[in-house]
Amino acid sequence: MRTDAEQPTTDEAGALLRYRRQIVFEPFGLAGQRALTAGRVLIVGVGGLGSWVAELLARAGVGMLRLVDDDRVELTNIHRQGLYDESDAQRSLPKVQAAAERLGGINSHTATEPVDARLQRGNIDSLAGDVDVIVDGTDNFATRFLINDYAVKSGKPWVFAGVVGSEAQIMSIVPGRTACLRCVLDSLPPACRDPNCRSFGVLGPAVAAVAAFQAAEVMKILAGKLDHISGRLLKFDTWTNDVQQMDVEADGQCRCCGQREFEFLEP
């Protein structure tokens, strides 16, 4: 028998009707949906990863999505990037503008805040300070290390992911509870060894698959289901079907979460 706290109020019953299929999933429930409705998420980069994550979170009913990207839609984006179509590429629309317009049609109850800019140390606090979780939709480790420094310093959860070719990886980082990205990768890889889609190619299904994992992790974090955040580094290959899970322990010697040195936030 459900308690009063598990029953929708008269005012929210209609609004929640659209989410009934995920509300009846017992580990999530009405409390999870209420938390999502109040949740605020920063998505850094709305290309391959970020566009799919933004769509999934809007469909799930997250209250606010702040979209940060300074790129424009190109025809070469469309095979792997959700939300965009040929007309967006023909008009060379800013990705945040095209994404916000599309998301508004998907869920008018999700507030979208497009920011046509690149995340940098000078603006990260103003963009991330009032959100509950940060999503990595970037394509370079310099920005990821910046996010990691800020997240650890501020105690804010974030979800790292990357994909090149058919291979994807993901790790949820909850400061004080899991290892951080610097525990896995101590320093920036040389530019020649920082893999990217432009050089190595990328398959759309690999992007969509890892973005779905990211969206699920964000839902867990917003719903307060941190016991379901493993902290492992998950790697999978959509071409070979290989899957790996790597245990990652917080490193007391980590310069970020262990030694509390935040070099990527320094001028």
Protein backbone atom coordinates (compact mmCIF):
# COMPACT_ATOMS: atom_id res chain seq x y z
CA MET A 1 0.00 0.00 0.00
CA ARG A 2 1.41 3.40 -0.99
CA THR A 3 1.81 6.12 1.62
CA ASP A 4 0.54 9.67 1.10
CA ALA A 5 4.08 10.72 0.15
CA GLU A 6 3.98 8.17 -2.68
CA GLN A 7 0.67 9.46 -4.07
CA PRO A 8 0.61 12.33 -6.57
CA THR A 9 -1.14 15.48 -5.41
CA THR A 10 -4.15 16.72 -7.35
CA ASP A 11 -2.07 19.50 -8.89
CA GLU A 12 0.69 17.20 -10.15
CA ALA A 13 -1.41 14.21 -11.20
CA GLY A 14 -1.99 15.44 -14.75
CA ALA A 15 1.60 16.54 -15.26
CA LEU A 16 2.92 13.21 -14.03
CA LEU A 17 0.59 11.14 -16.19
CA ARG A 18 3.07 11.27 -19.07
CA TYR A 19 5.77 9.69 -16.84
CA ARG A 20 3.67 6.86 -15.46
CA ARG A 21 5.73 4.13 -17.16
CA GLN A 22 8.88 5.18 -15.33
CA ILE A 23 7.07 6.01 -12.10
CA VAL A 24 5.74 2.45 -11.84
CA PHE A 25 9.33 1.20 -12.03
CA GLU A 26 9.59 0.56 -8.30
CA PRO A 27 13.25 1.47 -7.69
CA PHE A 28 12.52 4.92 -9.18
CA GLY A 29 8.92 5.66 -8.23
CA LEU A 30 7.07 8.91 -7.64
CA ALA A 31 9.79 10.24 -5.34
CA GLY A 32 12.31 9.80 -8.14
CA GLN A 33 10.07 11.61 -10.59
CA ARG A 34 9.56 14.50 -8.20
CA ALA A 35 13.33 14.76 -7.80
CA LEU A 36 13.79 14.81 -11.58
CA THR A 37 11.17 17.53 -11.95
CA ALA A 38 13.14 19.68 -9.51
CA GLY A 39 16.51 18.71 -10.98
CA ARG A 40 18.92 21.06 -12.75
CA VAL A 41 21.53 19.68 -15.14
CA LEU A 42 24.44 21.26 -17.00
CA ILE A 43 25.30 19.54 -20.29
CA VAL A 44 28.73 20.59 -21.55
CA GLY A 45 28.68 20.04 -25.29
CA VAL A 46 25.52 19.14 -27.22
CA GLY A 47 27.13 17.15 -30.00
CA GLY A 48 27.03 13.37 -30.18
CA LEU A 49 26.82 12.59 -26.47
CA GLY A 50 25.17 15.75 -25.19
CA SER A 51 22.38 15.88 -27.75
CA TRP A 52 21.20 12.35 -26.96
CA VAL A 53 21.52 12.88 -23.21
CA ALA A 54 19.56 16.14 -23.44
CA GLU A 55 16.74 14.45 -25.33
CA LEU A 56 16.53 11.51 -22.93
CA LEU A 57 16.52 13.76 -19.87
CA ALA A 58 13.90 16.07 -21.34
CA ARG A 59 11.69 13.08 -22.14
CA ALA A 60 12.21 11.83 -18.57
CA GLY A 61 11.01 15.16 -17.17
CA VAL A 62 14.13 16.84 -15.77
CA GLY A 63 13.23 20.35 -14.66
CA MET A 64 16.05 22.38 -16.24
CA LEU A 65 18.74 21.68 -18.81
CA ARG A 66 21.51 24.22 -19.36
CA LEU A 67 23.15 23.55 -22.73
CA VAL A 68 26.67 24.89 -23.31
CA ASP A 69 28.34 24.68 -26.73
CA ASP A 70 29.80 27.14 -29.23
CA ASP A 71 29.59 24.96 -32.36
CA ARG A 72 27.13 25.13 -35.24
CA VAL A 73 25.27 22.24 -36.85
CA GLU A 74 27.01 20.68 -39.85
CA LEU A 75 25.84 17.95 -42.19
CA THR A 76 28.60 15.63 -40.92
CA ASN A 77 27.10 15.81 -37.41
CA ILE A 78 23.73 14.31 -38.21
CA HIS A 79 24.70 10.63 -38.43
CA ARG A 80 25.54 10.54 -34.72
CA GLN A 81 23.99 13.62 -33.11
CA GLY A 82 20.35 13.54 -32.01
CA LEU A 83 18.01 16.56 -32.14
CA TYR A 84 19.43 17.93 -35.41
CA ASP A 85 18.30 17.59 -39.02
CA GLU A 86 19.32 18.74 -42.49
CA SER A 87 17.56 22.09 -42.21
CA ASP A 88 19.59 22.92 -39.10
CA ALA A 89 22.79 22.16 -41.00
CA GLN A 90 21.69 24.15 -44.05
CA ARG A 91 21.06 27.18 -41.83
CA SER A 92 24.26 26.53 -39.84
CA LEU A 93 22.33 27.07 -36.62
CA PRO A 94 24.15 27.21 -33.30
CA LYS A 95 23.77 23.76 -31.76
CA VAL A 96 22.39 25.15 -28.52
CA GLN A 97 19.69 27.05 -30.42
CA ALA A 98 18.64 24.08 -32.55
CA ALA A 99 18.71 21.79 -29.52
CA ALA A 100 16.65 24.12 -27.35
CA GLU A 101 14.02 24.50 -30.07
CA ARG A 102 13.71 20.75 -30.51
CA LEU A 103 13.64 20.05 -26.78
CA GLY A 104 10.87 22.60 -26.35
CA GLY A 105 8.74 20.53 -28.69
CA ILE A 106 9.57 17.32 -26.85
CA ASN A 107 8.73 18.57 -23.35
CA SER A 108 7.43 22.07 -22.73
CA HIS A 109 7.75 21.50 -18.97
CA THR A 110 11.53 21.18 -19.19
CA ALA A 111 13.20 24.58 -19.11
CA THR A 112 16.11 24.80 -21.52
CA GLU A 113 18.82 27.41 -21.20
CA PRO A 114 21.03 27.60 -24.31
CA VAL A 115 24.46 29.15 -23.79
CA ASP A 116 26.42 29.73 -27.00
CA ALA A 117 29.89 29.60 -25.43
CA ARG A 118 32.78 27.30 -24.63
CA LEU A 119 33.19 26.13 -21.05
CA GLN A 120 36.31 27.71 -19.55
CA ARG A 121 37.76 28.33 -16.11
CA GLY A 122 36.43 31.90 -16.25
CA ASN A 123 32.78 30.90 -16.69
CA ILE A 124 32.50 27.44 -15.15
CA ASP A 125 31.30 28.66 -11.77
CA SER A 126 28.54 30.81 -13.26
CA LEU A 127 27.41 27.94 -15.49
CA ALA A 128 27.74 25.05 -13.03
CA GLY A 129 27.27 26.64 -9.63
CA ASP A 130 23.49 26.26 -9.45
CA VAL A 131 23.04 22.81 -11.03
CA ASP A 132 22.78 19.40 -9.37
CA VAL A 133 24.89 17.38 -11.80
CA ILE A 134 27.21 18.00 -14.77
CA VAL A 135 27.17 15.88 -17.94
CA ASP A 136 30.29 15.45 -20.08
CA GLY A 137 29.41 15.88 -23.74
CA THR A 138 32.87 17.11 -24.67
CA ASP A 139 35.48 15.68 -27.00
CA ASN A 140 38.71 16.61 -25.22
CA PHE A 141 40.40 15.84 -21.93
CA ALA A 142 41.42 19.43 -21.16
CA THR A 143 37.77 20.37 -20.67
CA ARG A 144 37.08 17.13 -18.79
CA PHE A 145 39.93 17.86 -16.37
CA LEU A 146 38.49 21.34 -15.84
CA ILE A 147 35.08 19.83 -15.06
CA ASN A 148 36.70 17.27 -12.76
CA ASP A 149 38.58 19.94 -10.80
CA TYR A 150 35.43 22.04 -10.38
CA ALA A 151 33.25 19.08 -9.48
CA VAL A 152 35.66 17.76 -6.84
CA LYS A 153 36.27 21.22 -5.35
CA SER A 154 32.54 22.02 -5.17
CA GLY A 155 31.38 18.49 -4.27
CA LYS A 156 29.20 18.31 -7.37
CA PRO A 157 28.56 14.96 -9.17
CA TRP A 158 29.38 14.63 -12.84
CA VAL A 159 29.20 11.87 -15.45
CA PHE A 160 32.22 11.34 -17.70
CA ALA A 161 31.90 9.58 -21.05
CA GLY A 162 33.82 9.27 -24.27
CA VAL A 163 33.48 7.46 -27.58
CA VAL A 164 35.78 6.92 -30.54
CA GLY A 165 35.17 4.51 -33.38
CA SER A 166 32.94 1.79 -31.94
CA GLU A 167 34.40 1.98 -28.42
CA ALA A 168 32.79 3.86 -25.54
CA GLN A 169 33.53 4.40 -21.88
CA ILE A 170 31.64 5.93 -18.98
CA MET A 171 32.19 6.63 -15.30
CA SER A 172 30.07 8.45 -12.74
CA ILE A 173 32.02 10.62 -10.34
CA VAL A 174 30.49 11.53 -6.99
CA PRO A 175 33.03 13.49 -4.93
CA GLY A 176 33.65 11.95 -1.53
CA ARG A 177 32.09 8.68 -2.64
CA THR A 178 33.93 7.55 -5.79
CA ALA A 179 37.29 8.01 -7.46
CA CYS A 180 37.66 11.03 -9.72
CA LEU A 181 38.86 11.19 -13.32
CA ARG A 182 42.40 12.06 -12.24
CA CYS A 183 42.53 8.79 -10.29
CA VAL A 184 42.16 7.06 -13.67
CA LEU A 185 44.24 9.40 -15.81
CA ASP A 186 46.77 11.44 -13.87
CA SER A 187 47.72 13.89 -16.61
CA LEU A 188 46.49 15.10 -19.97
CA PRO A 189 47.39 12.81 -22.85
CA PRO A 190 49.62 14.41 -25.48
CA ALA A 191 47.63 16.02 -28.28
CA CYS A 192 48.80 13.34 -30.69
CA ARG A 193 47.44 10.62 -28.37
CA ASP A 194 44.13 12.28 -27.44
CA PRO A 195 41.82 10.27 -29.74
CA ASN A 196 39.03 12.10 -31.47
CA CYS A 197 36.25 11.31 -33.90
CA ARG A 198 37.70 13.49 -36.63
CA SER A 199 40.83 11.31 -36.83
CA PHE A 200 39.47 7.85 -35.95
CA GLY A 201 35.81 8.06 -36.99
CA VAL A 202 32.81 7.13 -34.88
CA LEU A 203 29.72 4.97 -35.16
CA GLY A 204 26.37 6.54 -34.27
CA PRO A 205 25.11 3.52 -32.29
CA ALA A 206 28.16 3.66 -30.01
CA VAL A 207 27.42 7.32 -29.26
CA ALA A 208 23.73 6.70 -28.58
CA ALA A 209 24.47 3.67 -26.41
CA VAL A 210 26.87 5.39 -24.03
CA ALA A 211 24.66 8.50 -23.94
CA ALA A 212 21.80 6.29 -22.72
CA PHE A 213 24.04 5.07 -19.90
CA GLN A 214 24.89 8.68 -19.07
CA ALA A 215 21.24 9.69 -18.92
CA ALA A 216 20.45 6.76 -16.63
CA GLU A 217 23.31 7.73 -14.30
CA VAL A 218 22.02 11.31 -14.14
CA MET A 219 18.54 10.03 -13.27
CA LYS A 220 20.00 7.94 -10.43
CA ILE A 221 21.98 10.88 -9.08
CA LEU A 222 19.03 13.29 -9.22
CA ALA A 223 16.76 10.71 -7.59
CA GLY A 224 19.28 10.24 -4.78
CA LYS A 225 19.87 6.59 -5.67
CA LEU A 226 23.62 6.80 -5.11
CA ASP A 227 23.81 3.17 -4.00
CA HIS A 228 23.21 2.31 -7.66
CA ILE A 229 26.23 4.35 -8.78
CA SER A 230 29.06 1.83 -9.00
CA GLY A 231 31.97 4.19 -9.58
CA ARG A 232 33.45 1.64 -11.97
CA LEU A 233 34.83 2.57 -15.36
CA LEU A 234 32.66 0.78 -17.93
CA LYS A 235 34.07 0.16 -21.40
CA PHE A 236 32.26 -1.48 -24.27
CA ASP A 237 32.66 -1.95 -28.00
CA THR A 238 29.53 -1.98 -30.12
CA TRP A 239 31.39 -3.59 -33.02
CA THR A 240 33.05 -6.52 -31.22
CA ASN A 241 30.53 -6.71 -28.35
CA ASP A 242 33.38 -6.73 -25.82
CA VAL A 243 32.47 -5.35 -22.39
CA GLN A 244 34.81 -4.49 -19.49
CA GLN A 245 34.19 -3.13 -16.03
CA MET A 246 37.21 -1.77 -14.20
CA ASP A 247 37.21 -1.17 -10.45
CA VAL A 248 38.66 2.26 -9.73
CA GLU A 249 39.65 3.11 -6.16
CA ALA A 250 40.04 6.67 -4.94
CA ASP A 251 43.77 7.40 -4.86
CA GLY A 252 44.99 9.30 -1.81
CA GLN A 253 47.90 10.52 -3.94
CA CYS A 254 45.58 11.83 -6.68
CA ARG A 255 46.48 15.47 -7.22
CA CYS A 256 42.82 16.41 -7.48
CA CYS A 257 40.64 14.47 -5.03
CA GLY A 258 43.53 13.28 -2.83
CA GLN A 259 45.83 16.30 -2.61
CA ARG A 260 43.12 18.89 -3.37
CA GLU A 261 45.19 20.62 -6.06
CA PHE A 262 42.95 22.19 -8.68
CA GLU A 263 45.43 23.26 -11.33
CA PHE A 264 42.87 23.44 -14.14
CA LEU A 265 40.91 26.08 -12.22
CA GLU A 266 43.99 28.25 -11.76
CA PRO A 267 44.58 31.26 -14.09
